[in-house]
Amino acid sequence: MKKKRTIIAAIVLSLVLVVGGAIAYFTDTDTETNEFTLGNVSIDLQEPNWVAANAQNILPGATVAKDPQILNDGASPAYVFLKITEPCYNNATIFDFTVNSAWTAVGTARTCSNGTAETVYGYGTASTMSTLAANATTPALFQNVTLKSTLDETAVSSFSSGADITVDAYGIQSDNVTGTPAQIFGNFS
């Protein structure tokens, strides 16, 4: 009887191992990888008609070609801005230029403070930005600058280290970004 119980126990144990082992083979896994490609914003500040030598030793009344524009060389459409920092004398800017109608001043334009005027221009209107498509270029902000003819020798001599105009370009994705030009430019601060 003891031998019979041992045989039955061995058979039951064998069945449990066989069934248990068989259950281990009834499994499954699955993986799904979803590929995302990311857009990017990349801009290039260009001045195709700027010749640095033409801006050397200029005198009041002289006009020099200067045409800042932005190329969107990224993959995504963008809103773009140009910030112009220009010198002042006696609380007035020393250069004249005409801003292209495709651009608008964001905030107060050309107000002197501490010897310079800093103005941000957005590509678009005062209430709505224009989208710059990938591989597109904005019109130039202005075509040239003229050193004001009203400057006298005292004014000119005060700029012995130069009267530089600095242009900074900014770009931000246009998709999923809303607001006025001032609000959108606020993302850069």
Foldseek 3Di string as FASTA:
>chain_A
DVVVVVVVVVVVVVVCVVVVVVVVVPDDDDDDDDDDDDWDWDKDKDFPQADPVLVPPDDAFDKGWGFIKMFGQTQAKKKKKKKKKWFDDPFFGQKDWDFDPQKDWAPDFGGDDPGITIIMITRHDQFDGDIAGHRGMDGTRTTIMGGHNPDDPVNVVVQVVHTDMDMDMDIDGPPPDDGGPNVSVVVVD
